[in-house]
Amino acid sequence: MEAYISLFLAAFLAATLVPASSELLFAALLASGHDPLALWSWATAGNTLGSALNWYFGRYLLRYQDRRWFPFRPESLDRAQSWFGRYGVWSLLLAWAPIFGDGLTFVAGVMKVRFPFFLVLTGLGKGIRYAVVLGAVHWLAEFFRPVSG
C-alpha cells in the first residue's frame, strides 16, 4: 500500500507547483510487479487532484500574481492562456503536457471553468497519459526480454 500512496503523492506533486515527475516511479513500480490497474488509478487520481489545486489557485489567488512566491512565471501563463484562448476548455486534455500543462489548469481556474467539467477533461487527459506510460513499459519489457531457445 505504501507504494501506491507514494505514487499518488508523487503524481499529485508533479501536477502542482513542485517541479517533479511521477513517470519514473510509475514505471519502476510497474516493473517491480505491482498491479497495473491500481498504479494507473492511483497515479491518475493524484495527478488530477494536483491539477485541481492549480485550478483553485487560478480561481482564487490570481490577485497575488505580482508577488515573488507566486508559482507561475508570466511567460508560462501567457503560453497557457494562448492555448486556452485558441482551443478553449478542450485544451485541458493536454494538462499532462510539460511546460504549459500546469499553466492550463491554472488558467482554467482564472477563466472560471466549471469544476466538474474541469475534473472530467483533466482526468481523462491524465488517465490517457498514464495508460501510454503503462503501455510503453510493457512494450519495452517485451522488447528487451531475453529470447529463450
N, C-alpha and C. Protein backbone atom coordinates (compact mmCIF):
# COMPACT_ATOMS: atom_id res chain seq x y z
N MET A 1 0.82 -1.20 0.00
CA MET A 1 0.00 0.00 0.00
C MET A 1 0.86 1.27 0.00
N GLU A 2 2.04 1.18 0.65
CA GLU A 2 2.92 2.35 0.70
C GLU A 2 3.36 2.78 -0.69
N ALA A 3 3.56 1.81 -1.56
CA ALA A 3 3.99 2.13 -2.93
C ALA A 3 2.92 2.94 -3.65
N TYR A 4 1.67 2.56 -3.48
CA TYR A 4 0.58 3.26 -4.16
C TYR A 4 0.40 4.67 -3.60
N ILE A 5 0.53 4.80 -2.29
CA ILE A 5 0.41 6.13 -1.68
C ILE A 5 1.58 7.01 -2.12
N SER A 6 2.77 6.43 -2.20
CA SER A 6 3.93 7.19 -2.68
C SER A 6 3.72 7.66 -4.11
N LEU A 7 3.16 6.79 -4.94
CA LEU A 7 2.88 7.17 -6.32
C LEU A 7 1.83 8.26 -6.38
N PHE A 8 0.78 8.14 -5.58
CA PHE A 8 -0.26 9.16 -5.52
C PHE A 8 0.35 10.52 -5.17
N LEU A 9 1.19 10.55 -4.13
CA LEU A 9 1.82 11.80 -3.71
C LEU A 9 2.77 12.35 -4.77
N ALA A 10 3.54 11.48 -5.40
CA ALA A 10 4.45 11.93 -6.47
C ALA A 10 3.66 12.51 -7.63
N ALA A 11 2.57 11.85 -8.00
CA ALA A 11 1.74 12.34 -9.11
C ALA A 11 1.06 13.65 -8.73
N PHE A 12 0.60 13.75 -7.49
CA PHE A 12 -0.02 14.99 -7.01
C PHE A 12 0.98 16.14 -7.10
N LEU A 13 2.17 15.93 -6.55
CA LEU A 13 3.19 16.98 -6.57
C LEU A 13 3.61 17.34 -7.99
N ALA A 14 3.70 16.34 -8.86
CA ALA A 14 4.11 16.59 -10.24
C ALA A 14 3.12 17.48 -10.98
N ALA A 15 1.87 17.47 -10.56
CA ALA A 15 0.85 18.28 -11.22
C ALA A 15 0.73 19.67 -10.61
N THR A 16 1.41 19.91 -9.51
CA THR A 16 1.29 21.20 -8.84
C THR A 16 2.53 22.03 -9.10
N LEU A 17 2.88 22.80 -8.13
CA LEU A 17 3.94 23.79 -8.27
C LEU A 17 5.34 23.20 -8.16
N VAL A 18 5.44 22.01 -7.62
CA VAL A 18 6.74 21.38 -7.40
C VAL A 18 7.24 20.78 -8.71
N PRO A 19 8.45 21.15 -9.14
CA PRO A 19 8.98 20.53 -10.36
C PRO A 19 9.36 19.08 -10.08
N ALA A 20 8.49 18.18 -10.46
CA ALA A 20 8.70 16.76 -10.19
C ALA A 20 8.12 15.94 -11.33
N SER A 21 8.48 14.68 -11.36
CA SER A 21 7.95 13.77 -12.36
C SER A 21 7.56 12.48 -11.66
N SER A 22 6.43 11.94 -12.04
CA SER A 22 5.96 10.70 -11.42
C SER A 22 6.12 9.50 -12.35
N GLU A 23 6.46 9.73 -13.60
CA GLU A 23 6.52 8.64 -14.58
C GLU A 23 7.58 7.60 -14.23
N LEU A 24 8.73 8.03 -13.74
CA LEU A 24 9.79 7.07 -13.40
C LEU A 24 9.37 6.16 -12.25
N LEU A 25 8.74 6.74 -11.23
CA LEU A 25 8.25 5.93 -10.12
C LEU A 25 7.17 4.98 -10.61
N PHE A 26 6.27 5.49 -11.45
CA PHE A 26 5.21 4.66 -12.04
C PHE A 26 5.83 3.46 -12.77
N ALA A 27 6.81 3.73 -13.62
CA ALA A 27 7.45 2.67 -14.40
C ALA A 27 8.20 1.69 -13.50
N ALA A 28 8.88 2.20 -12.48
CA ALA A 28 9.62 1.33 -11.57
C ALA A 28 8.67 0.41 -10.80
N LEU A 29 7.57 0.96 -10.33
CA LEU A 29 6.60 0.13 -9.59
C LEU A 29 5.96 -0.90 -10.50
N LEU A 30 5.69 -0.50 -11.73
CA LEU A 30 5.11 -1.43 -12.69
C LEU A 30 6.10 -2.57 -12.98
N ALA A 31 7.35 -2.21 -13.20
CA ALA A 31 8.37 -3.22 -13.49
C ALA A 31 8.62 -4.15 -12.30
N SER A 32 8.34 -3.66 -11.09
CA SER A 32 8.56 -4.50 -9.90
C SER A 32 7.36 -5.39 -9.58
N GLY A 33 6.36 -5.38 -10.45
CA GLY A 33 5.27 -6.33 -10.30
C GLY A 33 4.01 -5.83 -9.63
N HIS A 34 3.90 -4.54 -9.37
CA HIS A 34 2.67 -4.01 -8.78
C HIS A 34 1.53 -4.06 -9.79
N ASP A 35 0.32 -4.08 -9.28
CA ASP A 35 -0.88 -4.19 -10.11
C ASP A 35 -0.99 -2.99 -11.06
N PRO A 36 -0.99 -3.21 -12.38
CA PRO A 36 -1.04 -2.11 -13.35
C PRO A 36 -2.28 -1.23 -13.21
N LEU A 37 -3.45 -1.83 -13.00
CA LEU A 37 -4.67 -1.03 -12.87
C LEU A 37 -4.64 -0.17 -11.61
N ALA A 38 -4.14 -0.72 -10.53
CA ALA A 38 -4.03 0.06 -9.29
C ALA A 38 -3.04 1.21 -9.46
N LEU A 39 -1.90 0.94 -10.09
CA LEU A 39 -0.93 2.01 -10.35
C LEU A 39 -1.54 3.10 -11.20
N TRP A 40 -2.22 2.70 -12.27
CA TRP A 40 -2.86 3.68 -13.16
C TRP A 40 -3.88 4.52 -12.38
N SER A 41 -4.68 3.86 -11.55
CA SER A 41 -5.72 4.57 -10.79
C SER A 41 -5.13 5.56 -9.80
N TRP A 42 -4.14 5.12 -9.03
CA TRP A 42 -3.53 5.99 -8.04
C TRP A 42 -2.81 7.17 -8.69
N ALA A 43 -2.08 6.91 -9.76
CA ALA A 43 -1.34 7.98 -10.45
C ALA A 43 -2.30 8.98 -11.08
N THR A 44 -3.34 8.48 -11.75
CA THR A 44 -4.30 9.37 -12.39
C THR A 44 -5.03 10.22 -11.36
N ALA A 45 -5.44 9.60 -10.26
CA ALA A 45 -6.14 10.34 -9.20
C ALA A 45 -5.24 11.41 -8.59
N GLY A 46 -4.02 11.06 -8.26
CA GLY A 46 -3.10 12.03 -7.67
C GLY A 46 -2.80 13.19 -8.59
N ASN A 47 -2.54 12.88 -9.85
CA ASN A 47 -2.21 13.92 -10.82
C ASN A 47 -3.40 14.82 -11.09
N THR A 48 -4.58 14.25 -11.15
CA THR A 48 -5.80 15.04 -11.38
C THR A 48 -6.08 15.94 -10.18
N LEU A 49 -5.93 15.43 -8.98
CA LEU A 49 -6.16 16.26 -7.79
C LEU A 49 -5.11 17.35 -7.66
N GLY A 50 -3.88 17.09 -8.07
CA GLY A 50 -2.87 18.14 -8.09
C GLY A 50 -3.25 19.25 -9.04
N SER A 51 -3.81 18.89 -10.18
CA SER A 51 -4.30 19.89 -11.13
C SER A 51 -5.49 20.66 -10.57
N ALA A 52 -6.30 19.98 -9.76
CA ALA A 52 -7.43 20.66 -9.12
C ALA A 52 -6.93 21.75 -8.18
N LEU A 53 -5.80 21.51 -7.53
CA LEU A 53 -5.22 22.54 -6.68
C LEU A 53 -4.80 23.74 -7.53
N ASN A 54 -4.22 23.50 -8.70
CA ASN A 54 -3.88 24.60 -9.61
C ASN A 54 -5.13 25.37 -10.02
N TRP A 55 -6.22 24.65 -10.32
CA TRP A 55 -7.49 25.30 -10.68
C TRP A 55 -7.92 26.23 -9.55
N TYR A 56 -7.84 25.73 -8.33
CA TYR A 56 -8.22 26.53 -7.16
C TYR A 56 -7.35 27.78 -7.07
N PHE A 57 -6.05 27.62 -7.25
CA PHE A 57 -5.15 28.77 -7.22
C PHE A 57 -5.53 29.79 -8.29
N GLY A 58 -5.82 29.32 -9.49
CA GLY A 58 -6.23 30.22 -10.56
C GLY A 58 -7.54 30.92 -10.26
N ARG A 59 -8.43 30.20 -9.66
CA ARG A 59 -9.76 30.74 -9.36
C ARG A 59 -9.71 31.79 -8.27
N TYR A 60 -8.85 31.58 -7.27
CA TYR A 60 -8.91 32.43 -6.08
C TYR A 60 -7.64 33.21 -5.76
N LEU A 61 -6.52 32.93 -6.41
CA LEU A 61 -5.26 33.56 -6.00
C LEU A 61 -4.59 34.40 -7.08
N LEU A 62 -5.23 34.62 -8.21
CA LEU A 62 -4.60 35.39 -9.30
C LEU A 62 -4.23 36.80 -8.85
N ARG A 63 -4.97 37.35 -7.93
CA ARG A 63 -4.69 38.72 -7.49
C ARG A 63 -3.30 38.87 -6.86
N TYR A 64 -2.65 37.74 -6.56
CA TYR A 64 -1.31 37.78 -5.97
C TYR A 64 -0.20 37.53 -6.99
N GLN A 65 -0.50 37.64 -8.27
CA GLN A 65 0.48 37.28 -9.29
C GLN A 65 1.72 38.16 -9.30
N ASP A 66 1.68 39.32 -8.68
CA ASP A 66 2.86 40.19 -8.65
C ASP A 66 3.79 39.88 -7.47
N ARG A 67 3.44 38.91 -6.67
CA ARG A 67 4.26 38.54 -5.51
C ARG A 67 5.36 37.55 -5.92
N ARG A 68 6.46 37.60 -5.20
CA ARG A 68 7.60 36.72 -5.51
C ARG A 68 7.26 35.24 -5.38
N TRP A 69 6.43 34.91 -4.43
CA TRP A 69 6.12 33.50 -4.17
C TRP A 69 5.11 32.92 -5.15
N PHE A 70 4.54 33.77 -6.01
CA PHE A 70 3.51 33.29 -6.94
C PHE A 70 4.11 32.20 -7.83
N PRO A 71 3.41 31.07 -7.97
CA PRO A 71 4.04 29.87 -8.55
C PRO A 71 4.27 29.86 -10.05
N PHE A 72 3.61 30.71 -10.82
CA PHE A 72 3.74 30.64 -12.27
C PHE A 72 4.44 31.87 -12.81
N ARG A 73 5.37 31.63 -13.73
CA ARG A 73 6.05 32.74 -14.39
C ARG A 73 5.10 33.35 -15.42
N PRO A 74 5.21 34.64 -15.68
CA PRO A 74 4.31 35.29 -16.64
C PRO A 74 4.32 34.65 -18.02
N GLU A 75 5.50 34.22 -18.51
CA GLU A 75 5.56 33.62 -19.85
C GLU A 75 4.85 32.26 -19.88
N SER A 76 4.91 31.53 -18.79
CA SER A 76 4.19 30.25 -18.72
C SER A 76 2.68 30.49 -18.75
N LEU A 77 2.23 31.49 -18.02
CA LEU A 77 0.80 31.83 -18.03
C LEU A 77 0.36 32.33 -19.40
N ASP A 78 1.20 33.15 -20.04
CA ASP A 78 0.87 33.65 -21.38
C ASP A 78 0.71 32.50 -22.37
N ARG A 79 1.62 31.54 -22.31
CA ARG A 79 1.56 30.39 -23.21
C ARG A 79 0.28 29.59 -22.96
N ALA A 80 -0.03 29.37 -21.70
CA ALA A 80 -1.23 28.62 -21.35
C ALA A 80 -2.49 29.37 -21.77
N GLN A 81 -2.51 30.68 -21.56
CA GLN A 81 -3.68 31.47 -21.96
C GLN A 81 -3.85 31.46 -23.47
N SER A 82 -2.75 31.45 -24.20
CA SER A 82 -2.82 31.37 -25.66
C SER A 82 -3.46 30.06 -26.09
N TRP A 83 -3.00 28.94 -25.51
CA TRP A 83 -3.60 27.63 -25.82
C TRP A 83 -5.07 27.62 -25.45
N PHE A 84 -5.35 28.15 -24.28
CA PHE A 84 -6.73 28.14 -23.79
C PHE A 84 -7.61 29.01 -24.68
N GLY A 85 -7.08 30.16 -25.10
CA GLY A 85 -7.84 31.03 -25.99
C GLY A 85 -8.09 30.40 -27.35
N ARG A 86 -7.14 29.64 -27.84
CA ARG A 86 -7.26 29.01 -29.15
C ARG A 86 -8.17 27.78 -29.12
N TYR A 87 -8.03 26.95 -28.11
CA TYR A 87 -8.73 25.66 -28.09
C TYR A 87 -9.82 25.54 -27.02
N GLY A 88 -9.95 26.54 -26.18
CA GLY A 88 -10.98 26.52 -25.16
C GLY A 88 -10.76 25.43 -24.12
N VAL A 89 -11.84 25.00 -23.51
CA VAL A 89 -11.74 24.02 -22.43
C VAL A 89 -11.15 22.69 -22.90
N TRP A 90 -11.24 22.40 -24.19
CA TRP A 90 -10.70 21.14 -24.71
C TRP A 90 -9.19 21.07 -24.57
N SER A 91 -8.55 22.22 -24.41
CA SER A 91 -7.10 22.21 -24.19
C SER A 91 -6.74 21.52 -22.88
N LEU A 92 -7.70 21.37 -21.98
CA LEU A 92 -7.44 20.69 -20.71
C LEU A 92 -7.08 19.22 -20.91
N LEU A 93 -7.41 18.67 -22.07
CA LEU A 93 -6.99 17.30 -22.37
C LEU A 93 -5.47 17.21 -22.46
N LEU A 94 -4.80 18.37 -22.61
CA LEU A 94 -3.34 18.42 -22.67
C LEU A 94 -2.72 18.88 -21.35
N ALA A 95 -3.49 18.84 -20.28
CA ALA A 95 -3.00 19.30 -18.98
C ALA A 95 -1.81 18.47 -18.48
N TRP A 96 -1.58 17.32 -19.06
CA TRP A 96 -0.46 16.46 -18.68
C TRP A 96 0.86 16.93 -19.29
N ALA A 97 0.79 17.80 -20.29
CA ALA A 97 1.99 18.19 -21.05
C ALA A 97 2.98 18.98 -20.20
N PRO A 98 4.27 18.72 -20.40
CA PRO A 98 5.27 19.51 -19.68
C PRO A 98 5.24 20.97 -20.13
N ILE A 99 5.76 21.83 -19.34
CA ILE A 99 5.94 23.26 -19.57
C ILE A 99 4.64 24.04 -19.46
N PHE A 100 3.62 23.72 -20.24
CA PHE A 100 2.41 24.55 -20.20
C PHE A 100 1.19 23.87 -19.59
N GLY A 101 1.28 22.58 -19.30
CA GLY A 101 0.13 21.85 -18.77
C GLY A 101 -0.37 22.38 -17.44
N ASP A 102 0.56 22.63 -16.51
CA ASP A 102 0.16 23.17 -15.21
C ASP A 102 -0.46 24.55 -15.37
N GLY A 103 0.10 25.33 -16.28
CA GLY A 103 -0.47 26.65 -16.56
C GLY A 103 -1.89 26.57 -17.09
N LEU A 104 -2.16 25.55 -17.92
CA LEU A 104 -3.53 25.37 -18.44
C LEU A 104 -4.52 25.17 -17.31
N THR A 105 -4.14 24.36 -16.33
CA THR A 105 -5.07 24.09 -15.23
C THR A 105 -5.27 25.33 -14.37
N PHE A 106 -4.22 26.12 -14.23
CA PHE A 106 -4.34 27.39 -13.51
C PHE A 106 -5.26 28.35 -14.26
N VAL A 107 -5.03 28.48 -15.57
CA VAL A 107 -5.84 29.38 -16.40
C VAL A 107 -7.30 28.93 -16.40
N ALA A 108 -7.55 27.64 -16.34
CA ALA A 108 -8.93 27.15 -16.27
C ALA A 108 -9.63 27.71 -15.03
N GLY A 109 -8.90 27.81 -13.94
CA GLY A 109 -9.46 28.43 -12.74
C GLY A 109 -9.70 29.92 -12.94
N VAL A 110 -8.73 30.59 -13.56
CA VAL A 110 -8.87 32.02 -13.85
C VAL A 110 -10.11 32.26 -14.72
N MET A 111 -10.30 31.39 -15.72
CA MET A 111 -11.42 31.55 -16.66
C MET A 111 -12.74 31.01 -16.09
N LYS A 112 -12.69 30.55 -14.85
CA LYS A 112 -13.89 30.07 -14.16
C LYS A 112 -14.57 28.89 -14.85
N VAL A 113 -13.75 27.99 -15.39
CA VAL A 113 -14.28 26.75 -15.96
C VAL A 113 -14.97 26.00 -14.83
N ARG A 114 -16.16 25.49 -15.11
CA ARG A 114 -16.90 24.75 -14.08
C ARG A 114 -16.05 23.57 -13.60
N PHE A 115 -15.97 23.44 -12.29
CA PHE A 115 -15.08 22.46 -11.70
C PHE A 115 -15.38 21.02 -12.12
N PRO A 116 -16.64 20.56 -12.14
CA PRO A 116 -16.88 19.17 -12.57
C PRO A 116 -16.40 18.91 -14.01
N PHE A 117 -16.63 19.86 -14.91
CA PHE A 117 -16.19 19.72 -16.29
C PHE A 117 -14.67 19.71 -16.35
N PHE A 118 -14.05 20.58 -15.58
CA PHE A 118 -12.59 20.62 -15.47
C PHE A 118 -12.05 19.26 -15.04
N LEU A 119 -12.63 18.67 -13.99
CA LEU A 119 -12.16 17.38 -13.49
C LEU A 119 -12.27 16.28 -14.53
N VAL A 120 -13.38 16.26 -15.27
CA VAL A 120 -13.57 15.22 -16.29
C VAL A 120 -12.51 15.33 -17.38
N LEU A 121 -12.33 16.53 -17.94
CA LEU A 121 -11.37 16.69 -19.04
C LEU A 121 -9.93 16.47 -18.58
N THR A 122 -9.59 17.03 -17.44
CA THR A 122 -8.23 16.88 -16.93
C THR A 122 -7.95 15.43 -16.57
N GLY A 123 -8.88 14.80 -15.88
CA GLY A 123 -8.71 13.40 -15.50
C GLY A 123 -8.59 12.49 -16.71
N LEU A 124 -9.37 12.77 -17.74
CA LEU A 124 -9.31 11.97 -18.96
C LEU A 124 -7.93 12.08 -19.61
N GLY A 125 -7.45 13.31 -19.76
CA GLY A 125 -6.13 13.51 -20.36
C GLY A 125 -5.02 12.86 -19.56
N LYS A 126 -5.07 13.01 -18.25
CA LYS A 126 -4.03 12.44 -17.40
C LYS A 126 -4.12 10.92 -17.37
N GLY A 127 -5.33 10.39 -17.40
CA GLY A 127 -5.51 8.94 -17.46
C GLY A 127 -4.94 8.36 -18.74
N ILE A 128 -5.14 9.05 -19.84
CA ILE A 128 -4.58 8.60 -21.12
C ILE A 128 -3.06 8.62 -21.06
N ARG A 129 -2.51 9.67 -20.47
CA ARG A 129 -1.05 9.77 -20.36
C ARG A 129 -0.48 8.58 -19.60
N TYR A 130 -1.06 8.26 -18.45
CA TYR A 130 -0.55 7.13 -17.66
C TYR A 130 -0.80 5.80 -18.36
N ALA A 131 -1.86 5.70 -19.14
CA ALA A 131 -2.09 4.48 -19.93
C ALA A 131 -1.00 4.32 -20.98
N VAL A 132 -0.57 5.42 -21.58
CA VAL A 132 0.52 5.38 -22.56
C VAL A 132 1.83 4.95 -21.87
N VAL A 133 2.09 5.50 -20.69
CA VAL A 133 3.29 5.10 -19.95
C VAL A 133 3.22 3.61 -19.62
N LEU A 134 2.07 3.14 -19.19
CA LEU A 134 1.88 1.72 -18.88
C LEU A 134 2.16 0.86 -20.11
N GLY A 135 1.60 1.26 -21.24
CA GLY A 135 1.82 0.53 -22.48
C GLY A 135 3.28 0.54 -22.91
N ALA A 136 3.94 1.68 -22.74
CA ALA A 136 5.35 1.80 -23.13
C ALA A 136 6.23 0.90 -22.27
N VAL A 137 5.95 0.85 -20.98
CA VAL A 137 6.74 -0.01 -20.09
C VAL A 137 6.54 -1.47 -20.46
N HIS A 138 5.30 -1.87 -20.73
CA HIS A 138 5.04 -3.26 -21.14
C HIS A 138 5.74 -3.57 -22.47
N TRP A 139 5.68 -2.65 -23.40
CA TRP A 139 6.33 -2.87 -24.70
C TRP A 139 7.84 -3.01 -24.53
N LEU A 140 8.43 -2.10 -23.74
CA LEU A 140 9.88 -2.17 -23.51
C LEU A 140 10.27 -3.47 -22.81
N ALA A 141 9.44 -3.91 -21.87
CA ALA A 141 9.73 -5.17 -21.18
C ALA A 141 9.72 -6.34 -22.15
N GLU A 142 8.77 -6.34 -23.08
CA GLU A 142 8.71 -7.40 -24.09
C GLU A 142 9.88 -7.30 -25.06
N PHE A 143 10.21 -6.07 -25.44
CA PHE A 143 11.27 -5.84 -26.41
C PHE A 143 12.62 -6.33 -25.88
N PHE A 144 12.86 -6.10 -24.59
CA PHE A 144 14.15 -6.45 -24.00
C PHE A 144 14.15 -7.80 -23.30
N ARG A 145 13.06 -8.53 -23.40
CA ARG A 145 13.01 -9.86 -22.78
C ARG A 145 13.97 -10.78 -23.51
N PRO A 146 14.77 -11.53 -22.76
CA PRO A 146 15.70 -12.46 -23.41
C PRO A 146 14.93 -13.54 -24.18
N VAL A 147 15.45 -13.88 -25.32
CA VAL A 147 14.84 -14.93 -26.13
C VAL A 147 15.41 -16.26 -25.66
N SER A 148 14.52 -17.17 -25.32
CA SER A 148 14.99 -18.49 -24.88
C SER A 148 14.87 -19.47 -26.03
N GLY A 149 15.68 -20.43 -26.01
CA GLY A 149 15.52 -21.47 -27.01
C GLY A 149 16.75 -21.81 -27.66
